[in-house]
Each structure stands twice: as structure tokens, then as C-alpha cells.
């Protein structure tokens, strides 16, 4: 789904920059509308992760993927002890964040600085440790 908005330039007070981007959606419903209602539904969270990946790719990595869906999928996969899938989800997210970081500007969202990012890293490390046993 295409969304556009006007983002005021932080460098020039009188100019505006219009940015068009692809919003992640599942069957035409933006993923943010599915977050609260579907947060305990692993299949839906994985579908939202796929939608975030597609939106990230179509936006050429200019917008960070929403961490919520990846975090929820990892939590639910951990509960089911599905370590290999948890690792795939986490590695997919961290790979996108690395690409995003390489393109992020001064005013970009610094999602890698949040506590959720660190929690996801810990879940990934835990999943690796469970696979080794």
C-alpha cells in the first residue's frame, strides 16, 4: 500500500520534501492495525514479518522495519521451542537493520539503540545456545 506524506526539511525551514513509501500490509490491512489484536497469533506475526520485509525491500531500505512483529514472533517461537525458526526470524531482522544503519541519516530512527533490540539479541543468543545442546 502506498502512503505519502510531507516531511519538513530540518535543514531548510521553508522547504518541504514529499516522500512516498510502501506501507507494510497483510491483505490490504496495514500491519499496525493487526498488532494488538494478533500479538498472540504466531502465524499472523510471521505474516506481518514477511510484509515488513517486502515493504523494506520496496522502500530500498530507507525505512526501518517495525520491530514489534519480529519481537513478537521471536517470543512466540521461543515459547514453542522452535529455535531454528527463531534464529531465521532474528537474523532476517538484524540483516535488515544493518542495511538500514548503513543508509540512515542524522535524523533517522535509531531502532538499534532501543531496549527491544537488545532483548531480541538476547533471544537470538539463547536460541543458539539451545541448538548447541
C-alpha atoms as a PDB file:
ATOM      1  CA  UNK A   1       0.000   0.000   0.000  1.00  0.00           C
ATOM      2  CA  UNK A   2       1.416   3.379  -0.984  1.00  0.00           C
ATOM      3  CA  UNK A   3       1.365   6.140   1.588  1.00  0.00           C
ATOM      4  CA  UNK A   4       2.822   9.571   1.199  1.00  0.00           C
ATOM      5  CA  UNK A   5       3.411  12.451   3.455  1.00  0.00           C
ATOM      6  CA  UNK A   6       5.197  15.733   3.669  1.00  0.00           C
ATOM      7  CA  UNK A   7       8.253  15.672   5.849  1.00  0.00           C
ATOM      8  CA  UNK A   8       9.586  19.113   6.744  1.00  0.00           C
ATOM      9  CA  UNK A   9      13.244  19.554   5.992  1.00  0.00           C
ATOM     10  CA  UNK A  10      15.300  20.088   9.117  1.00  0.00           C
ATOM     11  CA  UNK A  11      17.903  21.996   7.143  1.00  0.00           C
ATOM     12  CA  UNK A  12      15.691  24.478   5.351  1.00  0.00           C
ATOM     13  CA  UNK A  13      12.770  25.798   7.369  1.00  0.00           C
ATOM     14  CA  UNK A  14      10.711  26.871   4.378  1.00  0.00           C
ATOM     15  CA  UNK A  15      11.022  23.810   2.151  1.00  0.00           C
ATOM     16  CA  UNK A  16       9.114  20.551   2.398  1.00  0.00           C
ATOM     17  CA  UNK A  17      10.061  17.227   0.960  1.00  0.00           C
ATOM     18  CA  UNK A  18       7.325  14.825  -0.138  1.00  0.00           C
ATOM     19  CA  UNK A  19       8.196  11.217   0.488  1.00  0.00           C
ATOM     20  CA  UNK A  20       6.243   8.313  -0.956  1.00  0.00           C
ATOM     21  CA  UNK A  21       6.767   4.941   0.659  1.00  0.00           C
ATOM     22  CA  UNK A  22       5.236   1.494   0.737  1.00  0.00           C
ATOM     23  CA  UNK A  23       3.413   0.641   3.949  1.00  0.00           C
ATOM     24  CA  UNK A  24       3.641  -2.968   5.119  1.00  0.00           C
ATOM     25  CA  UNK A  25       0.248  -4.626   4.872  1.00  0.00           C
ATOM     26  CA  UNK A  26      -1.406  -8.030   5.075  1.00  0.00           C
ATOM     27  CA  UNK A  27      -4.219  -8.459   2.549  1.00  0.00           C
ATOM     28  CA  UNK A  28      -4.567  -4.691   2.302  1.00  0.00           C
ATOM     29  CA  UNK A  29      -4.645  -4.139   6.076  1.00  0.00           C
ATOM     30  CA  UNK A  30      -1.684  -2.133   7.416  1.00  0.00           C
ATOM     31  CA  UNK A  31       0.357  -4.243   9.823  1.00  0.00           C
ATOM     32  CA  UNK A  32      -0.030  -1.675  12.605  1.00  0.00           C
ATOM     33  CA  UNK A  33      -3.778  -2.400  12.631  1.00  0.00           C
ATOM     34  CA  UNK A  34      -3.059  -6.090  13.315  1.00  0.00           C
ATOM     35  CA  UNK A  35      -0.512  -5.610  16.081  1.00  0.00           C
ATOM     36  CA  UNK A  36      -2.621  -5.543  19.238  1.00  0.00           C
ATOM     37  CA  UNK A  37      -5.351  -7.931  18.155  1.00  0.00           C
ATOM     38  CA  UNK A  38      -2.972 -10.515  16.683  1.00  0.00           C
ATOM     39  CA  UNK A  39       0.009 -10.354  19.016  1.00  0.00           C
ATOM     40  CA  UNK A  40      -0.607 -13.883  20.345  1.00  0.00           C
ATOM     41  CA  UNK A  41      -1.104 -15.377  16.860  1.00  0.00           C
ATOM     42  CA  UNK A  42       2.234 -16.736  15.659  1.00  0.00           C
ATOM     43  CA  UNK A  43       1.102 -17.270  12.076  1.00  0.00           C
ATOM     44  CA  UNK A  44      -0.158 -13.700  11.849  1.00  0.00           C
ATOM     45  CA  UNK A  45       3.028 -12.293  13.392  1.00  0.00           C
ATOM     46  CA  UNK A  46       5.125 -14.263  10.874  1.00  0.00           C
ATOM     47  CA  UNK A  47       2.910 -12.975   8.056  1.00  0.00           C
ATOM     48  CA  UNK A  48       3.428  -9.424   9.355  1.00  0.00           C
ATOM     49  CA  UNK A  49       7.197 -10.072   9.400  1.00  0.00           C
ATOM     50  CA  UNK A  50       7.019 -11.097   5.737  1.00  0.00           C
ATOM     51  CA  UNK A  51       5.052  -7.929   4.958  1.00  0.00           C
ATOM     52  CA  UNK A  52       7.676  -5.821   6.759  1.00  0.00           C
ATOM     53  CA  UNK A  53      10.431  -7.495   4.702  1.00  0.00           C
ATOM     54  CA  UNK A  54       8.587  -6.768   1.443  1.00  0.00           C
ATOM     55  CA  UNK A  55       7.993  -3.137   2.424  1.00  0.00           C
ATOM     56  CA  UNK A  56      11.628  -2.755   3.487  1.00  0.00           C
ATOM     57  CA  UNK A  57      12.814  -4.093   0.128  1.00  0.00           C
ATOM     58  CA  UNK A  58      10.378  -1.998  -1.899  1.00  0.00           C
ATOM     59  CA  UNK A  59      11.498   1.092   0.024  1.00  0.00           C
ATOM     60  CA  UNK A  60      15.154   0.251  -0.761  1.00  0.00           C
ATOM     61  CA  UNK A  61      15.984   0.040   2.941  1.00  0.00           C
ATOM     62  CA  UNK A  62      15.205   3.712   3.558  1.00  0.00           C
ATOM     63  CA  UNK A  63      12.707   2.987   6.364  1.00  0.00           C
ATOM     64  CA  UNK A  64      13.379   0.680   9.296  1.00  0.00           C
ATOM     65  CA  UNK A  65      11.198  -2.412   9.535  1.00  0.00           C
ATOM     66  CA  UNK A  66       8.860  -2.315  12.525  1.00  0.00           C
ATOM     67  CA  UNK A  67      10.497  -4.403  15.270  1.00  0.00           C
ATOM     68  CA  UNK A  68       7.221  -5.295  17.004  1.00  0.00           C
ATOM     69  CA  UNK A  69       6.306  -8.187  14.686  1.00  0.00           C
ATOM     70  CA  UNK A  70       9.770  -9.731  14.726  1.00  0.00           C
ATOM     71  CA  UNK A  71       9.945  -9.410  18.503  1.00  0.00           C
ATOM     72  CA  UNK A  72       6.510 -10.986  18.995  1.00  0.00           C
ATOM     73  CA  UNK A  73       7.314 -13.804  16.551  1.00  0.00           C
ATOM     74  CA  UNK A  74      10.548 -14.494  18.434  1.00  0.00           C
ATOM     75  CA  UNK A  75       8.734 -14.567  21.776  1.00  0.00           C
ATOM     76  CA  UNK A  76       6.091 -16.959  20.466  1.00  0.00           C
ATOM     77  CA  UNK A  77       8.674 -19.186  18.747  1.00  0.00           C
ATOM     78  CA  UNK A  78      10.692 -19.308  21.968  1.00  0.00           C
ATOM     79  CA  UNK A  79       7.604 -20.474  23.879  1.00  0.00           C
ATOM     80  CA  UNK A  80       7.239 -23.311  21.366  1.00  0.00           C
ATOM     81  CA  UNK A  81      10.992 -24.048  21.445  1.00  0.00           C
ATOM     82  CA  UNK A  82      11.249 -23.632  17.673  1.00  0.00           C
ATOM     83  CA  UNK A  83      14.855 -22.484  17.823  1.00  0.00           C
ATOM     84  CA  UNK A  84      15.786 -22.721  14.137  1.00  0.00           C
ATOM     85  CA  UNK A  85      12.797 -20.637  13.079  1.00  0.00           C
ATOM     86  CA  UNK A  86      13.505 -18.106  15.823  1.00  0.00           C
ATOM     87  CA  UNK A  87      17.061 -17.787  14.526  1.00  0.00           C
ATOM     88  CA  UNK A  88      15.863 -17.270  10.947  1.00  0.00           C
ATOM     89  CA  UNK A  89      13.409 -14.548  12.016  1.00  0.00           C
ATOM     90  CA  UNK A  90      16.013 -12.786  14.154  1.00  0.00           C
ATOM     91  CA  UNK A  91      18.764 -12.955  11.553  1.00  0.00           C
ATOM     92  CA  UNK A  92      16.406 -11.600   8.909  1.00  0.00           C
ATOM     93  CA  UNK A  93      15.564  -8.634  11.130  1.00  0.00           C
ATOM     94  CA  UNK A  94      19.158  -7.910  12.122  1.00  0.00           C
ATOM     95  CA  UNK A  95      20.287  -8.116   8.499  1.00  0.00           C
ATOM     96  CA  UNK A  96      17.700  -5.510   7.512  1.00  0.00           C
ATOM     97  CA  UNK A  97      18.726  -3.266  10.413  1.00  0.00           C
ATOM     98  CA  UNK A  98      22.381  -3.461   9.344  1.00  0.00           C
ATOM     99  CA  UNK A  99      21.377  -2.374   5.837  1.00  0.00           C
ATOM    100  CA  UNK A 100      19.185   0.378   7.257  1.00  0.00           C
ATOM    101  CA  UNK A 101      22.003   1.591   9.534  1.00  0.00           C
ATOM    102  CA  UNK A 102      24.307   1.890   6.539  1.00  0.00           C
ATOM    103  CA  UNK A 103      21.803   4.267   4.894  1.00  0.00           C
ATOM    104  CA  UNK A 104      20.447   6.030   7.979  1.00  0.00           C
ATOM    105  CA  UNK A 105      20.833   9.756   8.125  1.00  0.00           C
ATOM    106  CA  UNK A 106      21.271  12.031  11.074  1.00  0.00           C
ATOM    107  CA  UNK A 107      17.512  12.201  11.740  1.00  0.00           C
ATOM    108  CA  UNK A 108      16.669   8.567  11.013  1.00  0.00           C
ATOM    109  CA  UNK A 109      15.072   6.362  13.644  1.00  0.00           C
ATOM    110  CA  UNK A 110      17.847   4.720  15.642  1.00  0.00           C
ATOM    111  CA  UNK A 111      15.938   1.495  16.329  1.00  0.00           C
ATOM    112  CA  UNK A 112      19.143  -0.352  17.201  1.00  0.00           C
ATOM    113  CA  UNK A 113      19.532   1.817  20.320  1.00  0.00           C
ATOM    114  CA  UNK A 114      16.299   0.661  21.944  1.00  0.00           C
ATOM    115  CA  UNK A 115      15.930  -1.941  24.676  1.00  0.00           C
ATOM    116  CA  UNK A 116      13.769  -4.088  22.397  1.00  0.00           C
ATOM    117  CA  UNK A 117      16.712  -4.505  20.052  1.00  0.00           C
ATOM    118  CA  UNK A 118      18.897  -5.746  22.896  1.00  0.00           C
ATOM    119  CA  UNK A 119      16.142  -8.095  24.080  1.00  0.00           C
ATOM    120  CA  UNK A 120      15.938  -9.554  20.577  1.00  0.00           C
ATOM    121  CA  UNK A 121      19.718 -10.071  20.546  1.00  0.00           C
ATOM    122  CA  UNK A 122      19.458 -11.943  23.862  1.00  0.00           C
ATOM    123  CA  UNK A 123      16.686 -14.167  22.484  1.00  0.00           C
ATOM    124  CA  UNK A 124      18.851 -14.945  19.471  1.00  0.00           C
ATOM    125  CA  UNK A 125      21.821 -15.850  21.683  1.00  0.00           C
ATOM    126  CA  UNK A 126      19.543 -18.041  23.820  1.00  0.00           C
ATOM    127  CA  UNK A 127      18.200 -19.842  20.738  1.00  0.00           C
ATOM    128  CA  UNK A 128      21.757 -20.551  19.560  1.00  0.00           C
ATOM    129  CA  UNK A 129      22.625 -21.941  22.991  1.00  0.00           C
ATOM    130  CA  UNK A 130      19.569 -24.244  22.901  1.00  0.00           C
ATOM    131  CA  UNK A 131      20.546 -25.583  19.490  1.00  0.00           C
ATOM    132  CA  UNK A 132      24.008 -26.479  20.753  1.00  0.00           C
ATOM    133  CA  UNK A 133      22.582 -28.756  23.461  1.00  0.00           C
END
